[in-house]
PDB file of all heavy atoms in Angstrom:
ATOM      1  N   ASN A   1     -42.213  -7.479 -30.707  1.00  0.00           N
ATOM      2  CA  ASN A   1     -42.339  -6.383 -29.830  1.00  0.00           C
ATOM      3  C   ASN A   1     -42.627  -5.122 -30.722  1.00  0.00           C
ATOM      4  O   ASN A   1     -41.801  -4.752 -31.576  1.00  0.00           O
ATOM      5  CB  ASN A   1     -41.033  -6.132 -29.031  1.00  0.00           C
ATOM      6  CG  ASN A   1     -41.152  -5.044 -28.019  1.00  0.00           C
ATOM      7  OD1 ASN A   1     -41.836  -3.973 -28.263  1.00  0.00           O
ATOM      8  ND2 ASN A   1     -40.599  -5.205 -26.823  1.00  0.00           N
ATOM      9  N   ARG A   2     -43.759  -4.465 -30.486  1.00  0.00           N
ATOM     10  CA  ARG A   2     -44.174  -3.395 -31.398  1.00  0.00           C
ATOM     11  C   ARG A   2     -43.347  -2.108 -31.205  1.00  0.00           C
ATOM     12  O   ARG A   2     -43.242  -1.247 -32.045  1.00  0.00           O
ATOM     13  CB  ARG A   2     -45.632  -3.059 -31.219  1.00  0.00           C
ATOM     14  CG  ARG A   2     -46.560  -3.943 -32.071  1.00  0.00           C
ATOM     15  CD  ARG A   2     -46.765  -5.346 -31.380  1.00  0.00           C
ATOM     16  NE  ARG A   2     -47.704  -6.165 -32.010  1.00  0.00           N
ATOM     17  CZ  ARG A   2     -47.965  -7.440 -31.597  1.00  0.00           C
ATOM     18  NH1 ARG A   2     -47.317  -7.970 -30.625  1.00  0.00           N
ATOM     19  NH2 ARG A   2     -48.812  -8.136 -32.241  1.00  0.00           N
ATOM     20  N   GLY A   3     -42.713  -2.006 -30.017  1.00  0.00           N
ATOM     21  CA  GLY A   3     -41.774  -0.924 -29.782  1.00  0.00           C
ATOM     22  C   GLY A   3     -42.505   0.449 -29.698  1.00  0.00           C
ATOM     23  O   GLY A   3     -42.020   1.412 -30.317  1.00  0.00           O
ATOM     24  N   LEU A   4     -43.623   0.539 -28.940  1.00  0.00           N
ATOM     25  CA  LEU A   4     -44.327   1.823 -28.913  1.00  0.00           C
ATOM     26  C   LEU A   4     -43.524   2.895 -28.325  1.00  0.00           C
ATOM     27  O   LEU A   4     -42.981   2.807 -27.252  1.00  0.00           O
ATOM     28  CB  LEU A   4     -45.676   1.564 -28.022  1.00  0.00           C
ATOM     29  CG  LEU A   4     -46.495   2.830 -27.786  1.00  0.00           C
ATOM     30  CD1 LEU A   4     -47.076   3.411 -29.092  1.00  0.00           C
ATOM     31  CD2 LEU A   4     -47.542   2.560 -26.809  1.00  0.00           C
ATOM     32  N   GLN A   5     -43.541   4.065 -28.939  1.00  0.00           N
ATOM     33  CA  GLN A   5     -42.875   5.268 -28.513  1.00  0.00           C
ATOM     34  C   GLN A   5     -43.824   6.457 -28.778  1.00  0.00           C
ATOM     35  O   GLN A   5     -44.746   6.325 -29.586  1.00  0.00           O
ATOM     36  CB  GLN A   5     -41.521   5.426 -29.152  1.00  0.00           C
ATOM     37  CG  GLN A   5     -40.488   4.382 -28.904  1.00  0.00           C
ATOM     38  CD  GLN A   5     -39.227   4.590 -29.735  1.00  0.00           C
ATOM     39  OE1 GLN A   5     -39.140   5.530 -30.637  1.00  0.00           O
ATOM     40  NE2 GLN A   5     -38.295   3.777 -29.477  1.00  0.00           N
ATOM     41  N   ALA A   6     -43.499   7.604 -28.186  1.00  0.00           N
ATOM     42  CA  ALA A   6     -44.340   8.776 -28.414  1.00  0.00           C
ATOM     43  C   ALA A   6     -44.176   9.166 -29.875  1.00  0.00           C
ATOM     44  O   ALA A   6     -45.113   9.733 -30.450  1.00  0.00           O
ATOM     45  CB  ALA A   6     -43.942   9.895 -27.476  1.00  0.00           C
ATOM     46  N   SER A   7     -43.158   8.873 -30.479  1.00  0.00           N
ATOM     47  CA  SER A   7     -42.697   9.303 -31.897  1.00  0.00           C
ATOM     48  C   SER A   7     -43.210   8.233 -32.937  1.00  0.00           C
ATOM     49  O   SER A   7     -42.955   8.443 -34.111  1.00  0.00           O
ATOM     50  CB  SER A   7     -41.325   9.626 -32.031  1.00  0.00           C
ATOM     51  OG  SER A   7     -40.543   8.540 -31.714  1.00  0.00           O
ATOM     52  N   GLY A   8     -43.816   7.201 -32.515  1.00  0.00           N
ATOM     53  CA  GLY A   8     -44.224   6.135 -33.445  1.00  0.00           C
ATOM     54  C   GLY A   8     -43.916   4.779 -32.897  1.00  0.00           C
ATOM     55  O   GLY A   8     -43.889   4.569 -31.673  1.00  0.00           O
ATOM     56  N   PHE A   9     -43.642   3.782 -33.781  1.00  0.00           N
ATOM     57  CA  PHE A   9     -43.321   2.416 -33.425  1.00  0.00           C
ATOM     58  C   PHE A   9     -41.928   2.098 -33.855  1.00  0.00           C
ATOM     59  O   PHE A   9     -41.583   2.388 -35.013  1.00  0.00           O
ATOM     60  CB  PHE A   9     -44.314   1.407 -33.939  1.00  0.00           C
ATOM     61  CG  PHE A   9     -45.709   1.512 -33.394  1.00  0.00           C
ATOM     62  CD1 PHE A   9     -46.659   2.453 -33.975  1.00  0.00           C
ATOM     63  CD2 PHE A   9     -46.115   0.840 -32.282  1.00  0.00           C
ATOM     64  CE1 PHE A   9     -47.938   2.525 -33.466  1.00  0.00           C
ATOM     65  CE2 PHE A   9     -47.438   0.898 -31.737  1.00  0.00           C
ATOM     66  CZ  PHE A   9     -48.328   1.822 -32.302  1.00  0.00           C
ATOM     67  N   HIS A  10     -41.154   1.443 -33.042  1.00  0.00           N
ATOM     68  CA  HIS A  10     -39.797   0.936 -33.390  1.00  0.00           C
ATOM     69  C   HIS A  10     -39.789  -0.590 -33.054  1.00  0.00           C
ATOM     70  O   HIS A  10     -39.192  -0.927 -32.019  1.00  0.00           O
ATOM     71  CB  HIS A  10     -38.759   1.740 -32.633  1.00  0.00           C
ATOM     72  CG  HIS A  10     -37.383   1.706 -33.265  1.00  0.00           C
ATOM     73  ND1 HIS A  10     -36.289   2.272 -32.784  1.00  0.00           N
ATOM     74  CD2 HIS A  10     -37.015   1.007 -34.339  1.00  0.00           C
ATOM     75  CE1 HIS A  10     -35.298   2.043 -33.529  1.00  0.00           C
ATOM     76  NE2 HIS A  10     -35.658   1.247 -34.573  1.00  0.00           N
ATOM     77  N   PRO A  11     -40.399  -1.389 -33.954  1.00  0.00           N
ATOM     78  CA  PRO A  11     -40.576  -2.856 -33.606  1.00  0.00           C
ATOM     79  C   PRO A  11     -39.254  -3.632 -33.650  1.00  0.00           C
ATOM     80  O   PRO A  11     -38.320  -3.255 -34.318  1.00  0.00           O
ATOM     81  CB  PRO A  11     -41.657  -3.276 -34.641  1.00  0.00           C
ATOM     82  CG  PRO A  11     -41.348  -2.337 -35.849  1.00  0.00           C
ATOM     83  CD  PRO A  11     -40.957  -1.011 -35.224  1.00  0.00           C
ATOM     84  N   SER A  12     -39.353  -4.719 -32.980  1.00  0.00           N
ATOM     85  CA  SER A  12     -38.199  -5.690 -32.995  1.00  0.00           C
ATOM     86  C   SER A  12     -38.876  -7.058 -32.971  1.00  0.00           C
ATOM     87  O   SER A  12     -39.956  -7.290 -32.527  1.00  0.00           O
ATOM     88  CB  SER A  12     -37.220  -5.506 -31.833  1.00  0.00           C
ATOM     89  OG  SER A  12     -37.889  -5.746 -30.649  1.00  0.00           O
ATOM     90  N   VAL A  13     -38.091  -8.032 -33.525  1.00  0.00           N
ATOM     91  CA  VAL A  13     -38.547  -9.471 -33.580  1.00  0.00           C
ATOM     92  C   VAL A  13     -37.437 -10.352 -32.984  1.00  0.00           C
ATOM     93  O   VAL A  13     -36.256 -10.134 -33.307  1.00  0.00           O
ATOM     94  CB  VAL A  13     -38.850  -9.868 -35.038  1.00  0.00           C
ATOM     95  CG1 VAL A  13     -38.952 -11.395 -35.113  1.00  0.00           C
ATOM     96  CG2 VAL A  13     -40.150  -9.256 -35.461  1.00  0.00           C
ATOM     97  N   THR A  14     -37.777 -11.306 -32.136  1.00  0.00           N
ATOM     98  CA  THR A  14     -36.817 -12.232 -31.626  1.00  0.00           C
ATOM     99  C   THR A  14     -37.237 -13.611 -31.975  1.00  0.00           C
ATOM    100  O   THR A  14     -38.414 -14.010 -31.730  1.00  0.00           O
ATOM    101  CB  THR A  14     -36.675 -12.100 -30.054  1.00  0.00           C
ATOM    102  OG1 THR A  14     -36.284 -10.841 -29.727  1.00  0.00           O
ATOM    103  CG2 THR A  14     -35.681 -13.110 -29.506  1.00  0.00           C
ATOM    104  N   VAL A  15     -36.425 -14.350 -32.662  1.00  0.00           N
ATOM    105  CA  VAL A  15     -36.765 -15.779 -33.069  1.00  0.00           C
ATOM    106  C   VAL A  15     -35.675 -16.708 -32.419  1.00  0.00           C
ATOM    107  O   VAL A  15     -34.499 -16.404 -32.437  1.00  0.00           O
ATOM    108  CB  VAL A  15     -36.656 -15.871 -34.637  1.00  0.00           C
ATOM    109  CG1 VAL A  15     -37.039 -17.274 -35.060  1.00  0.00           C
ATOM    110  CG2 VAL A  15     -37.526 -14.863 -35.277  1.00  0.00           C
ATOM    111  N   SER A  16     -36.117 -17.828 -31.918  1.00  0.00           N
ATOM    112  CA  SER A  16     -35.285 -18.770 -31.278  1.00  0.00           C
ATOM    113  C   SER A  16     -35.857 -20.171 -31.327  1.00  0.00           C
ATOM    114  O   SER A  16     -37.005 -20.347 -31.665  1.00  0.00           O
ATOM    115  CB  SER A  16     -35.025 -18.336 -29.857  1.00  0.00           C
ATOM    116  OG  SER A  16     -36.250 -18.258 -29.096  1.00  0.00           O
ATOM    117  N   PHE A  17     -35.055 -21.157 -30.918  1.00  0.00           N
ATOM    118  CA  PHE A  17     -35.553 -22.497 -30.791  1.00  0.00           C
ATOM    119  C   PHE A  17     -35.087 -22.922 -29.308  1.00  0.00           C
ATOM    120  O   PHE A  17     -34.077 -23.694 -29.165  1.00  0.00           O
ATOM    121  CB  PHE A  17     -34.829 -23.423 -31.847  1.00  0.00           C
ATOM    122  CG  PHE A  17     -35.245 -23.106 -33.233  1.00  0.00           C
ATOM    123  CD1 PHE A  17     -34.619 -22.177 -33.969  1.00  0.00           C
ATOM    124  CD2 PHE A  17     -36.341 -23.796 -33.795  1.00  0.00           C
ATOM    125  CE1 PHE A  17     -35.007 -21.851 -35.278  1.00  0.00           C
ATOM    126  CE2 PHE A  17     -36.701 -23.535 -35.088  1.00  0.00           C
ATOM    127  CZ  PHE A  17     -36.081 -22.588 -35.899  1.00  0.00           C
ATOM    128  N   PRO A  18     -35.855 -22.504 -28.325  1.00  0.00           N
ATOM    129  CA  PRO A  18     -35.476 -22.761 -26.898  1.00  0.00           C
ATOM    130  C   PRO A  18     -35.365 -24.213 -26.512  1.00  0.00           C
ATOM    131  O   PRO A  18     -34.731 -24.559 -25.544  1.00  0.00           O
ATOM    132  CB  PRO A  18     -36.487 -21.875 -26.118  1.00  0.00           C
ATOM    133  CG  PRO A  18     -37.625 -21.785 -26.985  1.00  0.00           C
ATOM    134  CD  PRO A  18     -37.085 -21.718 -28.391  1.00  0.00           C
ATOM    135  N   GLU A  19     -36.125 -25.131 -27.278  1.00  0.00           N
ATOM    136  CA  GLU A  19     -36.063 -26.483 -26.849  1.00  0.00           C
ATOM    137  C   GLU A  19     -35.301 -27.382 -27.939  1.00  0.00           C
ATOM    138  O   GLU A  19     -35.484 -28.554 -27.911  1.00  0.00           O
ATOM    139  CB  GLU A  19     -37.561 -26.990 -26.683  1.00  0.00           C
ATOM    140  CG  GLU A  19     -38.316 -26.273 -25.744  1.00  0.00           C
ATOM    141  CD  GLU A  19     -37.769 -26.390 -24.328  1.00  0.00           C
ATOM    142  OE1 GLU A  19     -37.173 -27.497 -24.072  1.00  0.00           O
ATOM    143  OE2 GLU A  19     -37.869 -25.371 -23.516  1.00  0.00           O
ATOM    144  N   GLY A  20     -34.415 -26.687 -28.709  1.00  0.00           N
ATOM    145  CA  GLY A  20     -33.656 -27.462 -29.653  1.00  0.00           C
ATOM    146  C   GLY A  20     -34.230 -27.237 -31.035  1.00  0.00           C
ATOM    147  O   GLY A  20     -35.243 -26.688 -31.287  1.00  0.00           O
ATOM    148  N   LEU A  21     -33.375 -27.707 -32.067  1.00  0.00           N
ATOM    149  CA  LEU A  21     -33.653 -27.464 -33.440  1.00  0.00           C
ATOM    150  C   LEU A  21     -33.429 -28.689 -34.317  1.00  0.00           C
ATOM    151  O   LEU A  21     -32.363 -29.355 -34.177  1.00  0.00           O
ATOM    152  CB  LEU A  21     -32.685 -26.381 -33.887  1.00  0.00           C
ATOM    153  CG  LEU A  21     -32.624 -26.112 -35.374  1.00  0.00           C
ATOM    154  CD1 LEU A  21     -33.846 -25.399 -35.931  1.00  0.00           C
ATOM    155  CD2 LEU A  21     -31.388 -25.166 -35.654  1.00  0.00           C
ATOM    156  N   PRO A  22     -34.392 -29.143 -35.070  1.00  0.00           N
ATOM    157  CA  PRO A  22     -34.109 -30.253 -36.080  1.00  0.00           C
ATOM    158  C   PRO A  22     -32.983 -29.910 -36.978  1.00  0.00           C
ATOM    159  O   PRO A  22     -33.020 -28.824 -37.649  1.00  0.00           O
ATOM    160  CB  PRO A  22     -35.428 -30.431 -36.794  1.00  0.00           C
ATOM    161  CG  PRO A  22     -36.490 -29.844 -35.791  1.00  0.00           C
ATOM    162  CD  PRO A  22     -35.786 -28.691 -35.138  1.00  0.00           C
ATOM    163  N   ARG A  23     -31.985 -30.711 -37.155  1.00  0.00           N
ATOM    164  CA  ARG A  23     -30.867 -30.497 -37.931  1.00  0.00           C
ATOM    165  C   ARG A  23     -31.275 -30.336 -39.401  1.00  0.00           C
ATOM    166  O   ARG A  23     -32.140 -31.026 -39.886  1.00  0.00           O
ATOM    167  CB  ARG A  23     -29.847 -31.577 -37.790  1.00  0.00           C
ATOM    168  CG  ARG A  23     -28.462 -31.355 -38.457  1.00  0.00           C
ATOM    169  CD  ARG A  23     -27.509 -32.352 -38.210  1.00  0.00           C
ATOM    170  NE  ARG A  23     -27.925 -33.738 -38.654  1.00  0.00           N
ATOM    171  CZ  ARG A  23     -27.347 -34.819 -38.462  1.00  0.00           C
ATOM    172  NH1 ARG A  23     -26.102 -34.842 -37.853  1.00  0.00           N
ATOM    173  NH2 ARG A  23     -27.831 -36.036 -38.939  1.00  0.00           N
ATOM    174  N   GLY A  24     -30.699 -29.413 -40.121  1.00  0.00           N
ATOM    175  CA  GLY A  24     -31.042 -29.119 -41.472  1.00  0.00           C
ATOM    176  C   GLY A  24     -32.155 -28.115 -41.672  1.00  0.00           C
ATOM    177  O   GLY A  24     -32.514 -27.794 -42.766  1.00  0.00           O
ATOM    178  N   THR A  25     -32.778 -27.535 -40.596  1.00  0.00           N
ATOM    179  CA  THR A  25     -33.804 -26.570 -40.683  1.00  0.00           C
ATOM    180  C   THR A  25     -33.411 -25.265 -41.298  1.00  0.00           C
ATOM    181  O   THR A  25     -32.258 -24.818 -41.027  1.00  0.00           O
ATOM    182  CB  THR A  25     -34.398 -26.353 -39.224  1.00  0.00           C
ATOM    183  OG1 THR A  25     -34.945 -27.456 -38.756  1.00  0.00           O
ATOM    184  CG2 THR A  25     -35.480 -25.221 -39.313  1.00  0.00           C
ATOM    185  N   ASP A  26     -34.132 -24.765 -42.243  1.00  0.00           N
ATOM    186  CA  ASP A  26     -33.938 -23.471 -42.793  1.00  0.00           C
ATOM    187  C   ASP A  26     -34.063 -22.401 -41.665  1.00  0.00           C
ATOM    188  O   ASP A  26     -35.201 -22.134 -41.252  1.00  0.00           O
ATOM    189  CB  ASP A  26     -34.827 -23.223 -43.960  1.00  0.00           C
ATOM    190  CG  ASP A  26     -34.565 -21.908 -44.630  1.00  0.00           C
ATOM    191  OD1 ASP A  26     -33.641 -21.136 -44.264  1.00  0.00           O
ATOM    192  OD2 ASP A  26     -35.320 -21.563 -45.648  1.00  0.00           O
ATOM    193  N   ARG A  27     -33.009 -21.722 -41.340  1.00  0.00           N
ATOM    194  CA  ARG A  27     -33.012 -20.779 -40.206  1.00  0.00           C
ATOM    195  C   ARG A  27     -33.171 -19.336 -40.686  1.00  0.00           C
ATOM    196  O   ARG A  27     -33.155 -18.374 -39.897  1.00  0.00           O
ATOM    197  CB  ARG A  27     -31.775 -20.893 -39.383  1.00  0.00           C
ATOM    198  CG  ARG A  27     -31.701 -22.253 -38.760  1.00  0.00           C
ATOM    199  CD  ARG A  27     -30.340 -22.449 -37.946  1.00  0.00           C
ATOM    200  NE  ARG A  27     -29.281 -22.834 -38.880  1.00  0.00           N
ATOM    201  CZ  ARG A  27     -28.250 -21.985 -39.179  1.00  0.00           C
ATOM    202  NH1 ARG A  27     -28.141 -20.761 -38.577  1.00  0.00           N
ATOM    203  NH2 ARG A  27     -27.291 -22.337 -40.058  1.00  0.00           N
ATOM    204  N   ALA A  28     -33.482 -19.099 -41.996  1.00  0.00           N
ATOM    205  CA  ALA A  28     -33.568 -17.769 -42.521  1.00  0.00           C
ATOM    206  C   ALA A  28     -34.924 -17.151 -42.058  1.00  0.00           C
ATOM    207  O   ALA A  28     -35.925 -17.866 -41.973  1.00  0.00           O
ATOM    208  CB  ALA A  28     -33.524 -17.824 -44.049  1.00  0.00           C
ATOM    209  N   VAL A  29     -34.799 -15.867 -41.627  1.00  0.00           N
ATOM    210  CA  VAL A  29     -35.981 -15.192 -41.110  1.00  0.00           C
ATOM    211  C   VAL A  29     -36.380 -14.074 -42.064  1.00  0.00           C
ATOM    212  O   VAL A  29     -35.569 -13.264 -42.497  1.00  0.00           O
ATOM    213  CB  VAL A  29     -35.656 -14.539 -39.768  1.00  0.00           C
ATOM    214  CG1 VAL A  29     -36.916 -13.790 -39.133  1.00  0.00           C
ATOM    215  CG2 VAL A  29     -35.213 -15.668 -38.774  1.00  0.00           C
ATOM    216  N   HIS A  30     -37.672 -14.012 -42.394  1.00  0.00           N
ATOM    217  CA  HIS A  30     -38.257 -12.995 -43.284  1.00  0.00           C
ATOM    218  C   HIS A  30     -39.297 -12.257 -42.460  1.00  0.00           C
ATOM    219  O   HIS A  30     -40.186 -12.811 -41.905  1.00  0.00           O
ATOM    220  CB  HIS A  30     -38.840 -13.606 -44.537  1.00  0.00           C
ATOM    221  CG  HIS A  30     -37.911 -14.506 -45.301  1.00  0.00           C
ATOM    222  ND1 HIS A  30     -36.928 -14.078 -46.154  1.00  0.00           N
ATOM    223  CD2 HIS A  30     -37.780 -15.919 -45.250  1.00  0.00           C
ATOM    224  CE1 HIS A  30     -36.188 -15.104 -46.586  1.00  0.00           C
ATOM    225  NE2 HIS A  30     -36.656 -16.192 -46.089  1.00  0.00           N
ATOM    226  N   VAL A  31     -39.248 -10.856 -42.553  1.00  0.00           N
ATOM    227  CA  VAL A  31     -40.158 -10.068 -41.793  1.00  0.00           C
ATOM    228  C   VAL A  31     -40.828  -9.043 -42.764  1.00  0.00           C
ATOM    229  O   VAL A  31     -40.086  -8.417 -43.558  1.00  0.00           O
ATOM    230  CB  VAL A  31     -39.505  -9.343 -40.605  1.00  0.00           C
ATOM    231  CG1 VAL A  31     -40.523  -8.604 -39.781  1.00  0.00           C
ATOM    232  CG2 VAL A  31     -38.717 -10.363 -39.800  1.00  0.00           C
ATOM    233  N   SER A  32     -42.124  -8.812 -42.609  1.00  0.00           N
ATOM    234  CA  SER A  32     -42.745  -7.757 -43.379  1.00  0.00           C
ATOM    235  C   SER A  32     -43.756  -7.069 -42.424  1.00  0.00           C
ATOM    236  O   SER A  32     -44.171  -7.617 -41.366  1.00  0.00           O
ATOM    237  CB  SER A  32     -43.468  -8.299 -44.601  1.00  0.00           C
ATOM    238  OG  SER A  32     -44.429  -9.190 -44.181  1.00  0.00           O
ATOM    239  N   ALA A  33     -44.208  -5.879 -42.806  1.00  0.00           N
ATOM    240  CA  ALA A  33     -45.205  -5.178 -42.027  1.00  0.00           C
ATOM    241  C   ALA A  33     -46.147  -4.469 -43.046  1.00  0.00           C
ATOM    242  O   ALA A  33     -45.734  -3.871 -43.976  1.00  0.00           O
ATOM    243  CB  ALA A  33     -44.610  -4.123 -41.159  1.00  0.00           C
ATOM    244  N   ILE A  34     -47.440  -4.530 -42.688  1.00  0.00           N
ATOM    245  CA  ILE A  34     -48.406  -3.750 -43.364  1.00  0.00           C
ATOM    246  C   ILE A  34     -49.284  -2.961 -42.410  1.00  0.00           C
ATOM    247  O   ILE A  34     -49.391  -3.278 -41.198  1.00  0.00           O
ATOM    248  CB  ILE A  34     -49.333  -4.677 -44.246  1.00  0.00           C
ATOM    249  CG1 ILE A  34     -50.120  -5.652 -43.383  1.00  0.00           C
ATOM    250  CG2 ILE A  34     -48.548  -5.420 -45.253  1.00  0.00           C
ATOM    251  CD1 ILE A  34     -51.199  -6.429 -44.073  1.00  0.00           C
TER     252      ILE A  34
END
């Protein structure tokens, strides 16, 4: 979600596994913006 506002952008990210998750999966999340 880019989070558009009059004063700029206030983005957010949602990460999930709605249909289940293989056991042992690396669940770390890395985010960057350019």
